[in-house]
Amino acid sequence: SHRDLEDEELTRIFVMIPKTYTEEDLREKFKMYGDIEYCSIIKNKTTG
């Protein structure tokens, strides 16, 4: 696979988290494993 696509496939993980988590909570839990580029939480498009 192309290097750019490979990097994205190999550096982004998907996790199940408590619904009370903020992006900062998520970053705090996973920063011990390495340098984080970004965190994002999937939200309901209607209710947020």
ModelCIF file with pLDDT and N, C-alpha, C, O atoms, coordinates in Angstrom:
data_MODEL
#
_entry.id   MODEL 
#
_entity.id                         1 
_entity.type                       polymer 
_entity.pdbx_number_of_molecules   1 
#
_entity_poly.entity_id                      1 
_entity_poly.type                           'polypeptide(L)' 
_entity_poly.nstd_linkage                   no 
_entity_poly.nstd_monomer                   no 
_entity_poly.pdbx_seq_one_letter_code       SHRDLEDEELTRIFVMIPKTYTEEDLREKFKMYGDIEYCSIIKNKTTG 
_entity_poly.pdbx_seq_one_letter_code_can   SHRDLEDEELTRIFVMIPKTYTEEDLREKFKMYGDIEYCSIIKNKTTG 
_entity_poly.pdbx_strand_id                 A 
#
loop_
_entity_poly_seq.entity_id 
_entity_poly_seq.num 
_entity_poly_seq.mon_id 
_entity_poly_seq.hetero 
1 1  SER n 
1 2  HIS n 
1 3  ARG n 
1 4  ASP n 
1 5  LEU n 
1 6  GLU n 
1 7  ASP n 
1 8  GLU n 
1 9  GLU n 
1 10 LEU n 
1 11 THR n 
1 12 ARG n 
1 13 ILE n 
1 14 PHE n 
1 15 VAL n 
1 16 MET n 
1 17 ILE n 
1 18 PRO n 
1 19 LYS n 
1 20 THR n 
1 21 TYR n 
1 22 THR n 
1 23 GLU n 
1 24 GLU n 
1 25 ASP n 
1 26 LEU n 
1 27 ARG n 
1 28 GLU n 
1 29 LYS n 
1 30 PHE n 
1 31 LYS n 
1 32 MET n 
1 33 TYR n 
1 34 GLY n 
1 35 ASP n 
1 36 ILE n 
1 37 GLU n 
1 38 TYR n 
1 39 CYS n 
1 40 SER n 
1 41 ILE n 
1 42 ILE n 
1 43 LYS n 
1 44 ASN n 
1 45 LYS n 
1 46 THR n 
1 47 THR n 
1 48 GLY n 
#
_struct_asym.id          A 
_struct_asym.entity_id   1 
#
loop_
_ma_qa_metric.id 
_ma_qa_metric.mode 
_ma_qa_metric.name 
_ma_qa_metric.software_group_id 
_ma_qa_metric.type 
1 global pLDDT . pLDDT 
2 local  pLDDT . pLDDT 
#
_ma_qa_metric_global.metric_id      1 
_ma_qa_metric_global.metric_value   85.04 
_ma_qa_metric_global.model_id       1 
_ma_qa_metric_global.ordinal_id     1 
#
loop_
_ma_qa_metric_local.label_asym_id 
_ma_qa_metric_local.label_comp_id 
_ma_qa_metric_local.label_seq_id 
_ma_qa_metric_local.metric_id 
_ma_qa_metric_local.metric_value 
_ma_qa_metric_local.model_id 
_ma_qa_metric_local.ordinal_id 
A SER 1  2 46.00 1 1  
A HIS 2  2 46.00 1 2  
A ARG 3  2 47.00 1 3  
A ASP 4  2 49.00 1 4  
A LEU 5  2 49.00 1 5  
A GLU 6  2 51.00 1 6  
A ASP 7  2 65.00 1 7  
A GLU 8  2 68.00 1 8  
A GLU 9  2 72.00 1 9  
A LEU 10 2 84.00 1 10 
A THR 11 2 90.00 1 11 
A ARG 12 2 90.00 1 12 
A ILE 13 2 91.00 1 13 
A PHE 14 2 90.00 1 14 
A VAL 15 2 92.00 1 15 
A MET 16 2 92.00 1 16 
A ILE 17 2 92.00 1 17 
A PRO 18 2 92.00 1 18 
A LYS 19 2 91.00 1 19 
A THR 20 2 93.00 1 20 
A TYR 21 2 94.00 1 21 
A THR 22 2 93.00 1 22 
A GLU 23 2 94.00 1 23 
A GLU 24 2 94.00 1 24 
A ASP 25 2 94.00 1 25 
A LEU 26 2 95.00 1 26 
A ARG 27 2 95.00 1 27 
A GLU 28 2 95.00 1 28 
A LYS 29 2 94.00 1 29 
A PHE 30 2 96.00 1 30 
A LYS 31 2 94.00 1 31 
A MET 32 2 94.00 1 32 
A TYR 33 2 94.00 1 33 
A GLY 34 2 93.00 1 34 
A ASP 35 2 94.00 1 35 
A ILE 36 2 94.00 1 36 
A GLU 37 2 93.00 1 37 
A TYR 38 2 93.00 1 38 
A CYS 39 2 94.00 1 39 
A SER 40 2 93.00 1 40 
A ILE 41 2 93.00 1 41 
A ILE 42 2 90.00 1 42 
A LYS 43 2 90.00 1 43 
A ASN 44 2 87.00 1 44 
A LYS 45 2 86.00 1 45 
A THR 46 2 88.00 1 46 
A THR 47 2 89.00 1 47 
A GLY 48 2 89.00 1 48 
#
loop_
_atom_site.group_PDB 
_atom_site.id 
_atom_site.type_symbol 
_atom_site.label_atom_id 
_atom_site.label_alt_id 
_atom_site.label_comp_id 
_atom_site.label_asym_id 
_atom_site.label_entity_id 
_atom_site.label_seq_id 
_atom_site.pdbx_PDB_ins_code 
_atom_site.Cartn_x 
_atom_site.Cartn_y 
_atom_site.Cartn_z 
_atom_site.occupancy 
_atom_site.B_iso_or_equiv 
_atom_site.pdbx_formal_charge 
_atom_site.auth_seq_id 
_atom_site.auth_comp_id 
_atom_site.auth_asym_id 
_atom_site.auth_atom_id 
_atom_site.pdbx_PDB_model_num 
ATOM 1   N N  . SER A 1 1  ? 0.832   -1.197 0.000  1.00 46.00 ? 1  SER A N  1 
ATOM 2   C CA . SER A 1 1  ? 0.000   0.000  0.000  1.00 46.00 ? 1  SER A CA 1 
ATOM 3   C C  . SER A 1 1  ? 0.867   1.248  0.000  1.00 46.00 ? 1  SER A C  1 
ATOM 4   O O  . SER A 1 1  ? 2.028   1.213  0.407  1.00 46.00 ? 1  SER A O  1 
ATOM 5   N N  . HIS A 1 2  ? 0.294   2.342  -0.458 1.00 46.00 ? 2  HIS A N  1 
ATOM 6   C CA . HIS A 1 2  ? 1.007   3.614  -0.510 1.00 46.00 ? 2  HIS A CA 1 
ATOM 7   C C  . HIS A 1 2  ? 1.388   4.066  0.893  1.00 46.00 ? 2  HIS A C  1 
ATOM 8   O O  . HIS A 1 2  ? 0.642   3.843  1.847  1.00 46.00 ? 2  HIS A O  1 
ATOM 9   N N  . ARG A 1 3  ? 2.543   4.697  1.016  1.00 47.00 ? 3  ARG A N  1 
ATOM 10  C CA . ARG A 1 3  ? 3.069   5.041  2.336  1.00 47.00 ? 3  ARG A CA 1 
ATOM 11  C C  . ARG A 1 3  ? 2.109   5.909  3.152  1.00 47.00 ? 3  ARG A C  1 
ATOM 12  O O  . ARG A 1 3  ? 1.918   5.657  4.342  1.00 47.00 ? 3  ARG A O  1 
ATOM 13  N N  . ASP A 1 4  ? 1.504   6.921  2.535  1.00 49.00 ? 4  ASP A N  1 
ATOM 14  C CA . ASP A 1 4  ? 0.609   7.797  3.287  1.00 49.00 ? 4  ASP A CA 1 
ATOM 15  C C  . ASP A 1 4  ? -0.592  7.030  3.820  1.00 49.00 ? 4  ASP A C  1 
ATOM 16  O O  . ASP A 1 4  ? -0.992  7.196  4.972  1.00 49.00 ? 4  ASP A O  1 
ATOM 17  N N  . LEU A 1 5  ? -1.162  6.185  2.958  1.00 49.00 ? 5  LEU A N  1 
ATOM 18  C CA . LEU A 1 5  ? -2.321  5.395  3.380  1.00 49.00 ? 5  LEU A CA 1 
ATOM 19  C C  . LEU A 1 5  ? -1.909  4.409  4.455  1.00 49.00 ? 5  LEU A C  1 
ATOM 20  O O  . LEU A 1 5  ? -2.647  4.167  5.410  1.00 49.00 ? 5  LEU A O  1 
ATOM 21  N N  . GLU A 1 6  ? -0.717  3.838  4.290  1.00 51.00 ? 6  GLU A N  1 
ATOM 22  C CA . GLU A 1 6  ? -0.221  2.878  5.274  1.00 51.00 ? 6  GLU A CA 1 
ATOM 23  C C  . GLU A 1 6  ? -0.087  3.524  6.645  1.00 51.00 ? 6  GLU A C  1 
ATOM 24  O O  . GLU A 1 6  ? -0.473  2.940  7.658  1.00 51.00 ? 6  GLU A O  1 
ATOM 25  N N  . ASP A 1 7  ? 0.462   4.733  6.670  1.00 65.00 ? 7  ASP A N  1 
ATOM 26  C CA . ASP A 1 7  ? 0.634   5.429  7.941  1.00 65.00 ? 7  ASP A CA 1 
ATOM 27  C C  . ASP A 1 7  ? -0.708  5.661  8.619  1.00 65.00 ? 7  ASP A C  1 
ATOM 28  O O  . ASP A 1 7  ? -0.838  5.495  9.832  1.00 65.00 ? 7  ASP A O  1 
ATOM 29  N N  . GLU A 1 8  ? -1.716  6.049  7.819  1.00 68.00 ? 8  GLU A N  1 
ATOM 30  C CA . GLU A 1 8  ? -3.025  6.293  8.422  1.00 68.00 ? 8  GLU A CA 1 
ATOM 31  C C  . GLU A 1 8  ? -3.616  4.991  8.955  1.00 68.00 ? 8  GLU A C  1 
ATOM 32  O O  . GLU A 1 8  ? -4.194  4.970  10.041 1.00 68.00 ? 8  GLU A O  1 
ATOM 33  N N  . GLU A 1 9  ? -3.474  3.911  8.197  1.00 72.00 ? 9  GLU A N  1 
ATOM 34  C CA . GLU A 1 9  ? -4.037  2.635  8.619  1.00 72.00 ? 9  GLU A CA 1 
ATOM 35  C C  . GLU A 1 9  ? -3.365  2.096  9.879  1.00 72.00 ? 9  GLU A C  1 
ATOM 36  O O  . GLU A 1 9  ? -3.984  1.371  10.657 1.00 72.00 ? 9  GLU A O  1 
ATOM 37  N N  . LEU A 1 10 ? -2.111  2.448  10.073 1.00 84.00 ? 10 LEU A N  1 
ATOM 38  C CA . LEU A 1 10 ? -1.344  1.859  11.162 1.00 84.00 ? 10 LEU A CA 1 
ATOM 39  C C  . LEU A 1 10 ? -1.190  2.754  12.376 1.00 84.00 ? 10 LEU A C  1 
ATOM 40  O O  . LEU A 1 10 ? -0.649  2.319  13.392 1.00 84.00 ? 10 LEU A O  1 
ATOM 41  N N  . THR A 1 11 ? -1.650  3.987  12.296 1.00 90.00 ? 11 THR A N  1 
ATOM 42  C CA . THR A 1 11 ? -1.473  4.900  13.430 1.00 90.00 ? 11 THR A CA 1 
ATOM 43  C C  . THR A 1 11 ? -2.788  5.302  14.078 1.00 90.00 ? 11 THR A C  1 
ATOM 44  O O  . THR A 1 11 ? -2.777  5.941  15.130 1.00 90.00 ? 11 THR A O  1 
ATOM 45  N N  . ARG A 1 12 ? -3.924  4.946  13.478 1.00 90.00 ? 12 ARG A N  1 
ATOM 46  C CA . ARG A 1 12 ? -5.219  5.364  14.017 1.00 90.00 ? 12 ARG A CA 1 
ATOM 47  C C  . ARG A 1 12 ? -5.919  4.148  14.615 1.00 90.00 ? 12 ARG A C  1 
ATOM 48  O O  . ARG A 1 12 ? -6.104  3.136  13.939 1.00 90.00 ? 12 ARG A O  1 
ATOM 49  N N  . ILE A 1 13 ? -6.313  4.254  15.905 1.00 91.00 ? 13 ILE A N  1 
ATOM 50  C CA . ILE A 1 13 ? -7.018  3.154  16.549 1.00 91.00 ? 13 ILE A CA 1 
ATOM 51  C C  . ILE A 1 13 ? -8.443  3.578  16.898 1.00 91.00 ? 13 ILE A C  1 
ATOM 52  O O  . ILE A 1 13 ? -8.750  4.762  17.039 1.00 91.00 ? 13 ILE A O  1 
ATOM 53  N N  . PHE A 1 14 ? -9.294  2.569  17.032 1.00 90.00 ? 14 PHE A N  1 
ATOM 54  C CA . PHE A 1 14 ? -10.718 2.756  17.295 1.00 90.00 ? 14 PHE A CA 1 
ATOM 55  C C  . PHE A 1 14 ? -11.015 2.101  18.631 1.00 90.00 ? 14 PHE A C  1 
ATOM 56  O O  . PHE A 1 14 ? -10.646 0.945  18.839 1.00 90.00 ? 14 PHE A O  1 
ATOM 57  N N  . VAL A 1 15 ? -11.674 2.810  19.548 1.00 92.00 ? 15 VAL A N  1 
ATOM 58  C CA . VAL A 1 15 ? -11.875 2.293  20.897 1.00 92.00 ? 15 VAL A CA 1 
ATOM 59  C C  . VAL A 1 15 ? -13.308 2.495  21.376 1.00 92.00 ? 15 VAL A C  1 
ATOM 60  O O  . VAL A 1 15 ? -14.013 3.399  20.928 1.00 92.00 ? 15 VAL A O  1 
ATOM 61  N N  . MET A 1 16 ? -13.722 1.622  22.306 1.00 92.00 ? 16 MET A N  1 
ATOM 62  C CA . MET A 1 16 ? -15.016 1.743  22.970 1.00 92.00 ? 16 MET A CA 1 
ATOM 63  C C  . MET A 1 16 ? -14.772 2.427  24.310 1.00 92.00 ? 16 MET A C  1 
ATOM 64  O O  . MET A 1 16 ? -13.933 1.980  25.091 1.00 92.00 ? 16 MET A O  1 
ATOM 65  N N  . ILE A 1 17 ? -15.496 3.505  24.579 1.00 92.00 ? 17 ILE A N  1 
ATOM 66  C CA . ILE A 1 17 ? -15.249 4.318  25.772 1.00 92.00 ? 17 ILE A CA 1 
ATOM 67  C C  . ILE A 1 17 ? -16.566 4.635  26.480 1.00 92.00 ? 17 ILE A C  1 
ATOM 68  O O  . ILE A 1 17 ? -17.632 4.536  25.871 1.00 92.00 ? 17 ILE A O  1 
ATOM 69  N N  . PRO A 1 18 ? -16.506 5.014  27.758 1.00 92.00 ? 18 PRO A N  1 
ATOM 70  C CA . PRO A 1 18 ? -17.718 5.482  28.437 1.00 92.00 ? 18 PRO A CA 1 
ATOM 71  C C  . PRO A 1 18 ? -18.267 6.725  27.741 1.00 92.00 ? 18 PRO A C  1 
ATOM 72  O O  . PRO A 1 18 ? -17.496 7.545  27.242 1.00 92.00 ? 18 PRO A O  1 
ATOM 73  N N  . LYS A 1 19 ? -19.561 6.867  27.706 1.00 91.00 ? 19 LYS A N  1 
ATOM 74  C CA . LYS A 1 19 ? -20.175 8.006  27.020 1.00 91.00 ? 19 LYS A CA 1 
ATOM 75  C C  . LYS A 1 19 ? -19.897 9.335  27.710 1.00 91.00 ? 19 LYS A C  1 
ATOM 76  O O  . LYS A 1 19 ? -20.140 10.399 27.140 1.00 91.00 ? 19 LYS A O  1 
ATOM 77  N N  . THR A 1 20 ? -19.387 9.272  28.935 1.00 93.00 ? 20 THR A N  1 
ATOM 78  C CA . THR A 1 20 ? -19.071 10.503 29.666 1.00 93.00 ? 20 THR A CA 1 
ATOM 79  C C  . THR A 1 20 ? -17.704 11.064 29.280 1.00 93.00 ? 20 THR A C  1 
ATOM 80  O O  . THR A 1 20 ? -17.370 12.185 29.664 1.00 93.00 ? 20 THR A O  1 
ATOM 81  N N  . TYR A 1 21 ? -16.915 10.308 28.534 1.00 94.00 ? 21 TYR A N  1 
ATOM 82  C CA . TYR A 1 21 ? -15.565 10.743 28.176 1.00 94.00 ? 21 TYR A CA 1 
ATOM 83  C C  . TYR A 1 21 ? -15.583 11.981 27.274 1.00 94.00 ? 21 TYR A C  1 
ATOM 84  O O  . TYR A 1 21 ? -16.403 12.084 26.361 1.00 94.00 ? 21 TYR A O  1 
ATOM 85  N N  . THR A 1 22 ? -14.674 12.911 27.541 1.00 93.00 ? 22 THR A N  1 
ATOM 86  C CA . THR A 1 22 ? -14.392 14.013 26.625 1.00 93.00 ? 22 THR A CA 1 
ATOM 87  C C  . THR A 1 22 ? -13.149 13.649 25.828 1.00 93.00 ? 22 THR A C  1 
ATOM 88  O O  . THR A 1 22 ? -12.482 12.657 26.121 1.00 93.00 ? 22 THR A O  1 
ATOM 89  N N  . GLU A 1 23 ? -12.839 14.465 24.812 1.00 94.00 ? 23 GLU A N  1 
ATOM 90  C CA . GLU A 1 23 ? -11.625 14.207 24.041 1.00 94.00 ? 23 GLU A CA 1 
ATOM 91  C C  . GLU A 1 23 ? -10.387 14.308 24.932 1.00 94.00 ? 23 GLU A C  1 
ATOM 92  O O  . GLU A 1 23 ? -9.402  13.599 24.724 1.00 94.00 ? 23 GLU A O  1 
ATOM 93  N N  . GLU A 1 24 ? -10.447 15.192 25.920 1.00 94.00 ? 24 GLU A N  1 
ATOM 94  C CA . GLU A 1 24 ? -9.316  15.332 26.838 1.00 94.00 ? 24 GLU A CA 1 
ATOM 95  C C  . GLU A 1 24 ? -9.166  14.083 27.709 1.00 94.00 ? 24 GLU A C  1 
ATOM 96  O O  . GLU A 1 24 ? -8.050  13.646 27.991 1.00 94.00 ? 24 GLU A O  1 
ATOM 97  N N  . ASP A 1 25 ? -10.300 13.511 28.134 1.00 94.00 ? 25 ASP A N  1 
ATOM 98  C CA . ASP A 1 25 ? -10.253 12.259 28.901 1.00 94.00 ? 25 ASP A CA 1 
ATOM 99  C C  . ASP A 1 25 ? -9.615  11.147 28.071 1.00 94.00 ? 25 ASP A C  1 
ATOM 100 O O  . ASP A 1 25 ? -8.793  10.372 28.560 1.00 94.00 ? 25 ASP A O  1 
ATOM 101 N N  . LEU A 1 26 ? -10.021 11.092 26.798 1.00 95.00 ? 26 LEU A N  1 
ATOM 102 C CA . LEU A 1 26 ? -9.506  10.065 25.896 1.00 95.00 ? 26 LEU A CA 1 
ATOM 103 C C  . LEU A 1 26 ? -7.996  10.233 25.701 1.00 95.00 ? 26 LEU A C  1 
ATOM 104 O O  . LEU A 1 26 ? -7.244  9.258  25.732 1.00 95.00 ? 26 LEU A O  1 
ATOM 105 N N  . ARG A 1 27 ? -7.572  11.456 25.504 1.00 95.00 ? 27 ARG A N  1 
ATOM 106 C CA . ARG A 1 27 ? -6.141  11.730 25.336 1.00 95.00 ? 27 ARG A CA 1 
ATOM 107 C C  . ARG A 1 27 ? -5.367  11.341 26.598 1.00 95.00 ? 27 ARG A C  1 
ATOM 108 O O  . ARG A 1 27 ? -4.280  10.770 26.519 1.00 95.00 ? 27 ARG A O  1 
ATOM 109 N N  . GLU A 1 28 ? -5.936  11.656 27.751 1.00 95.00 ? 28 GLU A N  1 
ATOM 110 C CA . GLU A 1 28 ? -5.265  11.375 29.015 1.00 95.00 ? 28 GLU A CA 1 
ATOM 111 C C  . GLU A 1 28 ? -5.067  9.870  29.213 1.00 95.00 ? 28 GLU A C  1 
ATOM 112 O O  . GLU A 1 28 ? -4.037  9.438  29.731 1.00 95.00 ? 28 GLU A O  1 
ATOM 113 N N  . LYS A 1 29 ? -6.065  9.069  28.795 1.00 94.00 ? 29 LYS A N  1 
ATOM 114 C CA . LYS A 1 29 ? -5.996  7.624  28.979 1.00 94.00 ? 29 LYS A CA 1 
ATOM 115 C C  . LYS A 1 29 ? -4.976  6.966  28.050 1.00 94.00 ? 29 LYS A C  1 
ATOM 116 O O  . LYS A 1 29 ? -4.397  5.936  28.397 1.00 94.00 ? 29 LYS A O  1 
ATOM 117 N N  . PHE A 1 30 ? -4.752  7.558  26.865 1.00 96.00 ? 30 PHE A N  1 
ATOM 118 C CA . PHE A 1 30 ? -3.940  6.883  25.859 1.00 96.00 ? 30 PHE A CA 1 
ATOM 119 C C  . PHE A 1 30 ? -2.594  7.554  25.579 1.00 96.00 ? 30 PHE A C  1 
ATOM 120 O O  . PHE A 1 30 ? -1.824  7.058  24.757 1.00 96.00 ? 30 PHE A O  1 
ATOM 121 N N  . LYS A 1 31 ? -2.298  8.666  26.243 1.00 94.00 ? 31 LYS A N  1 
ATOM 122 C CA . LYS A 1 31 ? -1.035  9.353  25.971 1.00 94.00 ? 31 LYS A CA 1 
ATOM 123 C C  . LYS A 1 31 ? 0.175   8.575  26.472 1.00 94.00 ? 31 LYS A C  1 
ATOM 124 O O  . LYS A 1 31 ? 1.295   8.819  26.024 1.00 94.00 ? 31 LYS A O  1 
ATOM 125 N N  . MET A 1 32 ? -0.035  7.648  27.389 1.00 94.00 ? 32 MET A N  1 
ATOM 126 C CA . MET A 1 32 ? 1.098   6.886  27.948 1.00 94.00 ? 32 MET A CA 1 
ATOM 127 C C  . MET A 1 32 ? 1.726   5.957  26.914 1.00 94.00 ? 32 MET A C  1 
ATOM 128 O O  . MET A 1 32 ? 2.846   5.482  27.105 1.00 94.00 ? 32 MET A O  1 
ATOM 129 N N  . TYR A 1 33 ? 1.006   5.693  25.813 1.00 94.00 ? 33 TYR A N  1 
ATOM 130 C CA . TYR A 1 33 ? 1.527   4.748  24.826 1.00 94.00 ? 33 TYR A CA 1 
ATOM 131 C C  . TYR A 1 33 ? 2.312   5.428  23.697 1.00 94.00 ? 33 TYR A C  1 
ATOM 132 O O  . TYR A 1 33 ? 2.952   4.753  22.891 1.00 94.00 ? 33 TYR A O  1 
ATOM 133 N N  . GLY A 1 34 ? 2.261   6.758  23.642 1.00 93.00 ? 34 GLY A N  1 
ATOM 134 C CA . GLY A 1 34 ? 3.008   7.453  22.601 1.00 93.00 ? 34 GLY A CA 1 
ATOM 135 C C  . GLY A 1 34 ? 2.475   8.842  22.340 1.00 93.00 ? 34 GLY A C  1 
ATOM 136 O O  . GLY A 1 34 ? 1.556   9.312  23.010 1.00 93.00 ? 34 GLY A O  1 
ATOM 137 N N  . ASP A 1 35 ? 3.074   9.496  21.344 1.00 94.00 ? 35 ASP A N  1 
ATOM 138 C CA . ASP A 1 35 ? 2.688   10.863 20.984 1.00 94.00 ? 35 ASP A CA 1 
ATOM 139 C C  . ASP A 1 35 ? 1.404   10.851 20.163 1.00 94.00 ? 35 ASP A C  1 
ATOM 140 O O  . ASP A 1 35 ? 1.334   10.230 19.103 1.00 94.00 ? 35 ASP A O  1 
ATOM 141 N N  . ILE A 1 36 ? 0.395   11.544 20.668 1.00 94.00 ? 36 ILE A N  1 
ATOM 142 C CA . ILE A 1 36 ? -0.916  11.550 20.016 1.00 94.00 ? 36 ILE A CA 1 
ATOM 143 C C  . ILE A 1 36 ? -1.036  12.755 19.093 1.00 94.00 ? 36 ILE A C  1 
ATOM 144 O O  . ILE A 1 36 ? -0.775  13.891 19.488 1.00 94.00 ? 36 ILE A O  1 
ATOM 145 N N  . GLU A 1 37 ? -1.439  12.479 17.851 1.00 93.00 ? 37 GLU A N  1 
ATOM 146 C CA . GLU A 1 37 ? -1.671  13.563 16.893 1.00 93.00 ? 37 GLU A CA 1 
ATOM 147 C C  . GLU A 1 37 ? -3.031  14.205 17.138 1.00 93.00 ? 37 GLU A C  1 
ATOM 148 O O  . GLU A 1 37 ? -3.149  15.430 17.164 1.00 93.00 ? 37 GLU A O  1 
ATOM 149 N N  . TYR A 1 38 ? -4.051  13.380 17.317 1.00 93.00 ? 38 TYR A N  1 
ATOM 150 C CA . TYR A 1 38 ? -5.377  13.908 17.657 1.00 93.00 ? 38 TYR A CA 1 
ATOM 151 C C  . TYR A 1 38 ? -6.248  12.806 18.237 1.00 93.00 ? 38 TYR A C  1 
ATOM 152 O O  . TYR A 1 38 ? -5.987  11.619 18.038 1.00 93.00 ? 38 TYR A O  1 
ATOM 153 N N  . CYS A 1 39 ? -7.293  13.217 18.963 1.00 94.00 ? 39 CYS A N  1 
ATOM 154 C CA . CYS A 1 39 ? -8.327  12.318 19.468 1.00 94.00 ? 39 CYS A CA 1 
ATOM 155 C C  . CYS A 1 39 ? -9.673  12.858 18.994 1.00 94.00 ? 39 CYS A C  1 
ATOM 156 O O  . CYS A 1 39 ? -9.849  14.070 18.872 1.00 94.00 ? 39 CYS A O  1 
ATOM 157 N N  . SER A 1 40 ? -10.604 11.980 18.732 1.00 93.00 ? 40 SER A N  1 
ATOM 158 C CA . SER A 1 40 ? -11.955 12.425 18.379 1.00 93.00 ? 40 SER A CA 1 
ATOM 159 C C  . SER A 1 40 ? -12.967 11.432 18.913 1.00 93.00 ? 40 SER A C  1 
ATOM 160 O O  . SER A 1 40 ? -12.698 10.233 18.993 1.00 93.00 ? 40 SER A O  1 
ATOM 161 N N  . ILE A 1 41 ? -14.134 11.943 19.279 1.00 93.00 ? 41 ILE A N  1 
ATOM 162 C CA . ILE A 1 41 ? -15.213 11.115 19.815 1.00 93.00 ? 41 ILE A CA 1 
ATOM 163 C C  . ILE A 1 41 ? -16.366 11.124 18.814 1.00 93.00 ? 41 ILE A C  1 
ATOM 164 O O  . ILE A 1 41 ? -16.745 12.182 18.310 1.00 93.00 ? 41 ILE A O  1 
ATOM 165 N N  . ILE A 1 42 ? -16.917 9.959  18.529 1.00 90.00 ? 42 ILE A N  1 
ATOM 166 C CA . ILE A 1 42 ? -18.038 9.848  17.595 1.00 90.00 ? 42 ILE A CA 1 
ATOM 167 C C  . ILE A 1 42 ? -19.318 10.234 18.324 1.00 90.00 ? 42 ILE A C  1 
ATOM 168 O O  . ILE A 1 42 ? -19.626 9.701  19.390 1.00 90.00 ? 42 ILE A O  1 
ATOM 169 N N  . LYS A 1 43 ? -20.057 11.167 17.735 1.00 90.00 ? 43 LYS A N  1 
ATOM 170 C CA . LYS A 1 43 ? -21.265 11.672 18.377 1.00 90.00 ? 43 LYS A CA 1 
ATOM 171 C C  . LYS A 1 43 ? -22.489 11.474 17.492 1.00 90.00 ? 43 LYS A C  1 
ATOM 172 O O  . LYS A 1 43 ? -22.393 11.402 16.267 1.00 90.00 ? 43 LYS A O  1 
ATOM 173 N N  . ASN A 1 44 ? -23.625 11.391 18.139 1.00 87.00 ? 44 ASN A N  1 
ATOM 174 C CA . ASN A 1 44 ? -24.894 11.314 17.426 1.00 87.00 ? 44 ASN A CA 1 
ATOM 175 C C  . ASN A 1 44 ? -25.131 12.621 16.686 1.00 87.00 ? 44 ASN A C  1 
ATOM 176 O O  . ASN A 1 44 ? -25.099 13.698 17.283 1.00 87.00 ? 44 ASN A O  1 
ATOM 177 N N  . LYS A 1 45 ? -25.367 12.522 15.394 1.00 86.00 ? 45 LYS A N  1 
ATOM 178 C CA . LYS A 1 45 ? -25.494 13.737 14.589 1.00 86.00 ? 45 LYS A CA 1 
ATOM 179 C C  . LYS A 1 45 ? -26.716 14.565 14.972 1.00 86.00 ? 45 LYS A C  1 
ATOM 180 O O  . LYS A 1 45 ? -26.736 15.776 14.756 1.00 86.00 ? 45 LYS A O  1 
ATOM 181 N N  . THR A 1 46 ? -27.726 13.924 15.535 1.00 88.00 ? 46 THR A N  1 
ATOM 182 C CA . THR A 1 46 ? -28.959 14.630 15.892 1.00 88.00 ? 46 THR A CA 1 
ATOM 183 C C  . THR A 1 46 ? -28.876 15.258 17.275 1.00 88.00 ? 46 THR A C  1 
ATOM 184 O O  . THR A 1 46 ? -29.206 16.430 17.456 1.00 88.00 ? 46 THR A O  1 
ATOM 185 N N  . THR A 1 47 ? -28.434 14.469 18.248 1.00 89.00 ? 47 THR A N  1 
ATOM 186 C CA . THR A 1 47 ? -28.438 14.937 19.645 1.00 89.00 ? 47 THR A CA 1 
ATOM 187 C C  . THR A 1 47 ? -27.099 15.523 20.094 1.00 89.00 ? 47 THR A C  1 
ATOM 188 O O  . THR A 1 47 ? -27.038 16.268 21.072 1.00 89.00 ? 47 THR A O  1 
ATOM 189 N N  . GLY A 1 48 ? -26.034 15.182 19.376 1.00 89.00 ? 48 GLY A N  1 
ATOM 190 C CA . GLY A 1 48 ? -24.711 15.641 19.796 1.00 89.00 ? 48 GLY A CA 1 
ATOM 191 C C  . GLY A 1 48 ? -24.120 14.832 20.938 1.00 89.00 ? 48 GLY A C  1 
ATOM 192 O O  . GLY A 1 48 ? -23.009 15.116 21.386 1.00 89.00 ? 48 GLY A O  1 
#
